Amino acid sequence: MRQIIALCVVCGILWANIGVTQDQKKAAPLQQGQVAPFDGILIPPERVEELIGAEIERDKLKIKLDSFQRIRKIEVEAYENALKKKGKWYNDPQVNRWAGVIFGMILTGAAVYGAGQLD
């Protein structure tokens, strides 16, 4: 939750700086009770470091999210391609193997039964 709030604050600061001129970007130390030479948000220096750290963390997470999304897209494409290549279920070697085993058991049972009927 703190990260979301910090992200919102950083975005607000960045958005507020869109219309700032070069003179306004200069650091202007203020004493208590002094009027600021421009409009804006007054933030303590400790908080600025924290906001910069949050912005860096946000950028790292954004890069990580992008890489995960690319990996996920590649995995989905690979899975879809594998499904397309697989073909019909009855062409699968494992299905044919089990069908042969079952057919062999039935045939053997029939042969044993038939041999028992000869007596």
N, C-alpha and C. Protein backbone atom coordinates (compact mmCIF):
# COMPACT_ATOMS: atom_id res chain seq x y z
N MET A 1 0.82 -1.18 0.00
CA MET A 1 0.00 0.00 0.00
C MET A 1 0.87 1.25 0.00
N ARG A 2 1.96 1.22 0.77
CA ARG A 2 2.86 2.37 0.81
C ARG A 2 3.46 2.64 -0.56
N GLN A 3 3.78 1.55 -1.27
CA GLN A 3 4.39 1.71 -2.59
C GLN A 3 3.40 2.35 -3.56
N ILE A 4 2.14 1.99 -3.46
CA ILE A 4 1.13 2.58 -4.33
C ILE A 4 0.98 4.07 -4.04
N ILE A 5 0.95 4.41 -2.76
CA ILE A 5 0.83 5.82 -2.38
C ILE A 5 2.06 6.59 -2.85
N ALA A 6 3.25 5.99 -2.65
CA ALA A 6 4.48 6.66 -3.08
C ALA A 6 4.48 6.84 -4.60
N LEU A 7 4.00 5.82 -5.31
CA LEU A 7 3.93 5.91 -6.77
C LEU A 7 2.99 7.02 -7.20
N CYS A 8 1.86 7.14 -6.52
CA CYS A 8 0.91 8.21 -6.84
C CYS A 8 1.52 9.58 -6.57
N VAL A 9 2.25 9.70 -5.47
CA VAL A 9 2.89 10.98 -5.13
C VAL A 9 3.93 11.34 -6.18
N VAL A 10 4.76 10.35 -6.57
CA VAL A 10 5.79 10.59 -7.57
C VAL A 10 5.15 10.99 -8.90
N CYS A 11 4.10 10.28 -9.30
CA CYS A 11 3.41 10.63 -10.55
C CYS A 11 2.83 12.04 -10.46
N GLY A 12 2.29 12.39 -9.31
CA GLY A 12 1.75 13.74 -9.12
C GLY A 12 2.83 14.79 -9.22
N ILE A 13 3.99 14.50 -8.65
CA ILE A 13 5.11 15.45 -8.73
C ILE A 13 5.58 15.59 -10.17
N LEU A 14 5.72 14.46 -10.85
CA LEU A 14 6.16 14.52 -12.24
C LEU A 14 5.13 15.24 -13.10
N TRP A 15 3.86 14.99 -12.86
CA TRP A 15 2.81 15.65 -13.62
C TRP A 15 2.81 17.15 -13.33
N ALA A 16 3.07 17.53 -12.08
CA ALA A 16 3.09 18.94 -11.71
C ALA A 16 4.27 19.65 -12.34
N ASN A 17 5.34 18.92 -12.64
CA ASN A 17 6.54 19.55 -13.20
C ASN A 17 6.47 19.75 -14.71
N ILE A 18 5.39 19.36 -15.34
CA ILE A 18 5.30 19.48 -16.80
C ILE A 18 5.35 20.95 -17.22
N GLY A 19 4.67 21.83 -16.52
CA GLY A 19 4.63 23.23 -16.89
C GLY A 19 5.67 24.09 -16.18
N VAL A 20 6.71 23.51 -15.62
CA VAL A 20 7.71 24.24 -14.85
C VAL A 20 8.77 24.80 -15.79
N THR A 21 9.14 26.06 -15.58
CA THR A 21 10.19 26.69 -16.40
C THR A 21 11.56 26.37 -15.82
N GLN A 22 12.61 26.75 -16.55
CA GLN A 22 13.98 26.48 -16.10
C GLN A 22 14.27 27.20 -14.79
N ASP A 23 13.79 28.46 -14.65
CA ASP A 23 14.04 29.20 -13.41
C ASP A 23 13.38 28.52 -12.23
N GLN A 24 12.25 27.92 -12.47
CA GLN A 24 11.53 27.27 -11.38
C GLN A 24 12.16 25.95 -10.99
N LYS A 25 12.97 25.35 -11.86
CA LYS A 25 13.59 24.07 -11.54
C LYS A 25 14.78 24.22 -10.60
N LYS A 26 15.30 25.43 -10.48
CA LYS A 26 16.45 25.66 -9.61
C LYS A 26 16.04 25.46 -8.16
N ALA A 27 16.96 24.92 -7.38
CA ALA A 27 16.70 24.71 -5.96
C ALA A 27 16.57 26.07 -5.28
N ALA A 28 15.56 26.23 -4.48
CA ALA A 28 15.34 27.49 -3.77
C ALA A 28 15.13 27.17 -2.30
N PRO A 29 16.19 27.19 -1.51
CA PRO A 29 16.01 26.90 -0.08
C PRO A 29 15.12 27.96 0.57
N LEU A 30 14.21 27.51 1.40
CA LEU A 30 13.26 28.40 2.06
C LEU A 30 13.43 28.31 3.57
N GLN A 31 13.22 29.41 4.21
CA GLN A 31 13.19 29.45 5.67
C GLN A 31 11.71 29.43 6.08
N GLN A 32 11.47 29.03 7.30
CA GLN A 32 10.10 28.96 7.77
C GLN A 32 9.47 30.36 7.72
N GLY A 33 8.29 30.43 7.14
CA GLY A 33 7.57 31.69 7.03
C GLY A 33 7.89 32.44 5.75
N GLN A 34 8.91 32.05 5.00
CA GLN A 34 9.28 32.73 3.76
C GLN A 34 8.33 32.29 2.64
N VAL A 35 8.01 33.17 1.73
CA VAL A 35 7.13 32.87 0.61
C VAL A 35 7.95 32.25 -0.52
N ALA A 36 7.42 31.18 -1.08
CA ALA A 36 8.12 30.51 -2.18
C ALA A 36 8.03 31.36 -3.44
N PRO A 37 9.11 31.39 -4.26
CA PRO A 37 9.11 32.21 -5.48
C PRO A 37 8.29 31.60 -6.62
N PHE A 38 7.70 30.44 -6.42
CA PHE A 38 6.90 29.80 -7.46
C PHE A 38 5.87 28.89 -6.82
N ASP A 39 4.89 28.47 -7.62
CA ASP A 39 3.87 27.53 -7.15
C ASP A 39 4.42 26.12 -7.21
N GLY A 40 3.98 25.26 -6.33
CA GLY A 40 4.43 23.88 -6.38
C GLY A 40 4.20 23.18 -5.05
N ILE A 41 4.86 22.07 -4.90
CA ILE A 41 4.74 21.27 -3.69
C ILE A 41 6.04 21.37 -2.92
N LEU A 42 5.94 21.60 -1.63
CA LEU A 42 7.11 21.70 -0.78
C LEU A 42 7.32 20.35 -0.09
N ILE A 43 8.46 19.74 -0.36
CA ILE A 43 8.74 18.40 0.18
C ILE A 43 10.06 18.45 0.93
N PRO A 44 10.11 17.84 2.12
CA PRO A 44 11.38 17.78 2.85
C PRO A 44 12.42 16.94 2.08
N PRO A 45 13.70 17.24 2.21
CA PRO A 45 14.75 16.51 1.47
C PRO A 45 14.73 15.00 1.72
N GLU A 46 14.43 14.58 2.95
CA GLU A 46 14.38 13.14 3.24
C GLU A 46 13.29 12.46 2.42
N ARG A 47 12.20 13.14 2.25
CA ARG A 47 11.07 12.60 1.52
C ARG A 47 11.39 12.51 0.02
N VAL A 48 12.18 13.47 -0.48
CA VAL A 48 12.56 13.47 -1.89
C VAL A 48 13.38 12.21 -2.19
N GLU A 49 14.32 11.89 -1.31
CA GLU A 49 15.14 10.67 -1.50
C GLU A 49 14.24 9.44 -1.52
N GLU A 50 13.27 9.42 -0.63
CA GLU A 50 12.34 8.29 -0.57
C GLU A 50 11.52 8.18 -1.85
N LEU A 51 11.08 9.33 -2.36
CA LEU A 51 10.29 9.33 -3.59
C LEU A 51 11.13 8.91 -4.79
N ILE A 52 12.37 9.33 -4.83
CA ILE A 52 13.26 8.91 -5.91
C ILE A 52 13.49 7.40 -5.84
N GLY A 53 13.68 6.88 -4.62
CA GLY A 53 13.82 5.43 -4.45
C GLY A 53 12.58 4.69 -4.90
N ALA A 54 11.40 5.26 -4.61
CA ALA A 54 10.15 4.62 -5.04
C ALA A 54 10.03 4.66 -6.56
N GLU A 55 10.47 5.73 -7.17
CA GLU A 55 10.42 5.83 -8.63
C GLU A 55 11.36 4.79 -9.28
N ILE A 56 12.52 4.62 -8.71
CA ILE A 56 13.46 3.61 -9.22
C ILE A 56 12.87 2.22 -9.06
N GLU A 57 12.28 1.96 -7.91
CA GLU A 57 11.64 0.65 -7.67
C GLU A 57 10.50 0.42 -8.65
N ARG A 58 9.72 1.46 -8.93
CA ARG A 58 8.64 1.36 -9.90
C ARG A 58 9.17 0.99 -11.28
N ASP A 59 10.27 1.64 -11.67
CA ASP A 59 10.86 1.34 -12.98
C ASP A 59 11.37 -0.09 -13.05
N LYS A 60 11.97 -0.57 -11.96
CA LYS A 60 12.44 -1.96 -11.92
C LYS A 60 11.27 -2.93 -12.05
N LEU A 61 10.19 -2.65 -11.32
CA LEU A 61 9.02 -3.52 -11.38
C LEU A 61 8.36 -3.48 -12.76
N LYS A 62 8.39 -2.33 -13.40
CA LYS A 62 7.83 -2.22 -14.74
C LYS A 62 8.63 -3.07 -15.73
N ILE A 63 9.96 -3.02 -15.61
CA ILE A 63 10.82 -3.84 -16.48
C ILE A 63 10.56 -5.31 -16.23
N LYS A 64 10.44 -5.68 -14.96
CA LYS A 64 10.17 -7.08 -14.61
C LYS A 64 8.83 -7.53 -15.17
N LEU A 65 7.82 -6.69 -15.05
CA LEU A 65 6.49 -7.02 -15.58
C LEU A 65 6.54 -7.20 -17.09
N ASP A 66 7.23 -6.31 -17.77
CA ASP A 66 7.35 -6.43 -19.23
C ASP A 66 8.02 -7.73 -19.63
N SER A 67 9.08 -8.10 -18.91
CA SER A 67 9.78 -9.36 -19.24
C SER A 67 8.89 -10.56 -18.96
N PHE A 68 8.14 -10.54 -17.86
CA PHE A 68 7.23 -11.65 -17.56
C PHE A 68 6.13 -11.75 -18.62
N GLN A 69 5.65 -10.62 -19.08
CA GLN A 69 4.61 -10.64 -20.12
C GLN A 69 5.15 -11.21 -21.42
N ARG A 70 6.40 -10.85 -21.77
CA ARG A 70 7.01 -11.41 -22.98
C ARG A 70 7.20 -12.92 -22.85
N ILE A 71 7.68 -13.35 -21.69
CA ILE A 71 7.88 -14.79 -21.46
C ILE A 71 6.56 -15.53 -21.55
N ARG A 72 5.53 -14.97 -20.94
CA ARG A 72 4.20 -15.60 -20.97
C ARG A 72 3.68 -15.72 -22.39
N LYS A 73 3.88 -14.67 -23.19
CA LYS A 73 3.44 -14.70 -24.57
C LYS A 73 4.16 -15.79 -25.35
N ILE A 74 5.46 -15.93 -25.13
CA ILE A 74 6.25 -16.97 -25.80
C ILE A 74 5.77 -18.36 -25.38
N GLU A 75 5.50 -18.54 -24.08
CA GLU A 75 5.02 -19.83 -23.58
C GLU A 75 3.67 -20.20 -24.20
N VAL A 76 2.78 -19.23 -24.29
CA VAL A 76 1.45 -19.49 -24.87
C VAL A 76 1.59 -19.87 -26.34
N GLU A 77 2.43 -19.15 -27.08
CA GLU A 77 2.64 -19.48 -28.49
C GLU A 77 3.24 -20.88 -28.65
N ALA A 78 4.20 -21.23 -27.78
CA ALA A 78 4.81 -22.56 -27.86
C ALA A 78 3.78 -23.64 -27.56
N TYR A 79 2.93 -23.42 -26.57
CA TYR A 79 1.90 -24.38 -26.23
C TYR A 79 0.90 -24.55 -27.36
N GLU A 80 0.48 -23.43 -27.95
CA GLU A 80 -0.46 -23.50 -29.07
C GLU A 80 0.15 -24.23 -30.26
N ASN A 81 1.43 -23.98 -30.53
CA ASN A 81 2.11 -24.67 -31.63
C ASN A 81 2.22 -26.16 -31.35
N ALA A 82 2.49 -26.53 -30.10
CA ALA A 82 2.58 -27.94 -29.74
C ALA A 82 1.23 -28.63 -29.92
N LEU A 83 0.15 -27.93 -29.58
CA LEU A 83 -1.18 -28.51 -29.76
C LEU A 83 -1.51 -28.70 -31.24
N LYS A 84 -1.08 -27.76 -32.07
CA LYS A 84 -1.33 -27.89 -33.50
C LYS A 84 -0.55 -29.05 -34.11
N LYS A 85 0.68 -29.27 -33.64
CA LYS A 85 1.53 -30.33 -34.18
C LYS A 85 1.11 -31.71 -33.71
N LYS A 86 0.45 -31.79 -32.56
CA LYS A 86 0.15 -33.09 -31.96
C LYS A 86 -0.73 -33.94 -32.86
N GLY A 87 -1.71 -33.39 -33.50
CA GLY A 87 -2.56 -34.14 -34.41
C GLY A 87 -3.69 -34.85 -33.68
N LYS A 88 -4.22 -35.88 -34.33
CA LYS A 88 -5.37 -36.63 -33.80
C LYS A 88 -4.94 -37.53 -32.65
N TRP A 89 -5.87 -37.80 -31.76
CA TRP A 89 -5.56 -38.61 -30.58
C TRP A 89 -5.18 -40.03 -30.96
N TYR A 90 -5.76 -40.57 -32.00
CA TYR A 90 -5.51 -41.96 -32.35
C TYR A 90 -4.17 -42.14 -33.09
N ASN A 91 -3.50 -41.05 -33.44
CA ASN A 91 -2.17 -41.16 -34.04
C ASN A 91 -1.06 -41.13 -33.00
N ASP A 92 -1.42 -40.96 -31.76
CA ASP A 92 -0.44 -40.91 -30.69
C ASP A 92 0.13 -42.30 -30.45
N PRO A 93 1.46 -42.48 -30.40
CA PRO A 93 2.06 -43.80 -30.20
C PRO A 93 1.62 -44.47 -28.89
N GLN A 94 1.41 -43.68 -27.87
CA GLN A 94 1.00 -44.26 -26.59
C GLN A 94 -0.40 -44.87 -26.68
N VAL A 95 -1.29 -44.23 -27.40
CA VAL A 95 -2.64 -44.78 -27.59
C VAL A 95 -2.55 -46.08 -28.38
N ASN A 96 -1.75 -46.09 -29.43
CA ASN A 96 -1.59 -47.30 -30.24
C ASN A 96 -0.97 -48.44 -29.42
N ARG A 97 -0.04 -48.12 -28.55
CA ARG A 97 0.59 -49.14 -27.71
C ARG A 97 -0.45 -49.78 -26.78
N TRP A 98 -1.25 -48.95 -26.11
CA TRP A 98 -2.26 -49.48 -25.20
C TRP A 98 -3.35 -50.25 -25.96
N ALA A 99 -3.69 -49.77 -27.12
CA ALA A 99 -4.68 -50.50 -27.93
C ALA A 99 -4.14 -51.88 -28.30
N GLY A 100 -2.85 -51.97 -28.63
CA GLY A 100 -2.23 -53.26 -28.95
C GLY A 100 -2.21 -54.20 -27.75
N VAL A 101 -1.91 -53.66 -26.58
CA VAL A 101 -1.88 -54.48 -25.36
C VAL A 101 -3.28 -55.03 -25.07
N ILE A 102 -4.28 -54.15 -25.13
CA ILE A 102 -5.65 -54.59 -24.84
C ILE A 102 -6.12 -55.62 -25.88
N PHE A 103 -5.86 -55.36 -27.16
CA PHE A 103 -6.24 -56.30 -28.21
C PHE A 103 -5.52 -57.64 -28.00
N GLY A 104 -4.25 -57.60 -27.61
CA GLY A 104 -3.50 -58.82 -27.35
C GLY A 104 -4.08 -59.61 -26.19
N MET A 105 -4.50 -58.91 -25.13
CA MET A 105 -5.11 -59.60 -23.99
C MET A 105 -6.42 -60.26 -24.38
N ILE A 106 -7.22 -59.57 -25.17
CA ILE A 106 -8.50 -60.14 -25.61
C ILE A 106 -8.26 -61.36 -26.50
N LEU A 107 -7.31 -61.25 -27.42
CA LEU A 107 -6.99 -62.35 -28.32
C LEU A 107 -6.45 -63.56 -27.56
N THR A 108 -5.58 -63.30 -26.58
CA THR A 108 -5.04 -64.40 -25.76
C THR A 108 -6.15 -65.07 -24.96
N GLY A 109 -7.05 -64.26 -24.38
CA GLY A 109 -8.18 -64.82 -23.64
C GLY A 109 -9.08 -65.67 -24.50
N ALA A 110 -9.31 -65.22 -25.72
CA ALA A 110 -10.13 -65.98 -26.65
C ALA A 110 -9.45 -67.30 -27.03
N ALA A 111 -8.12 -67.25 -27.22
CA ALA A 111 -7.38 -68.47 -27.57
C ALA A 111 -7.41 -69.47 -26.43
N VAL A 112 -7.26 -69.01 -25.21
CA VAL A 112 -7.28 -69.89 -24.04
C VAL A 112 -8.69 -70.49 -23.91
N TYR A 113 -9.71 -69.67 -24.07
CA TYR A 113 -11.07 -70.15 -23.97
C TYR A 113 -11.35 -71.20 -25.07
N GLY A 114 -10.91 -70.90 -26.28
CA GLY A 114 -11.10 -71.84 -27.38
C GLY A 114 -10.37 -73.16 -27.15
N ALA A 115 -9.16 -73.09 -26.61
CA ALA A 115 -8.39 -74.32 -26.33
C ALA A 115 -9.09 -75.13 -25.24
N GLY A 116 -9.72 -74.46 -24.28
CA GLY A 116 -10.44 -75.17 -23.22
C GLY A 116 -11.70 -75.86 -23.74
N GLN A 117 -12.29 -75.37 -24.78
CA GLN A 117 -13.50 -75.94 -25.36
C GLN A 117 -13.22 -77.19 -26.23
N LEU A 118 -11.97 -77.43 -26.58
CA LEU A 118 -11.60 -78.56 -27.44
C LEU A 118 -11.79 -79.91 -26.73
N ASP A 119 -11.69 -79.97 -25.44
CA ASP A 119 -11.77 -81.24 -24.72
C ASP A 119 -13.10 -81.85 -24.76
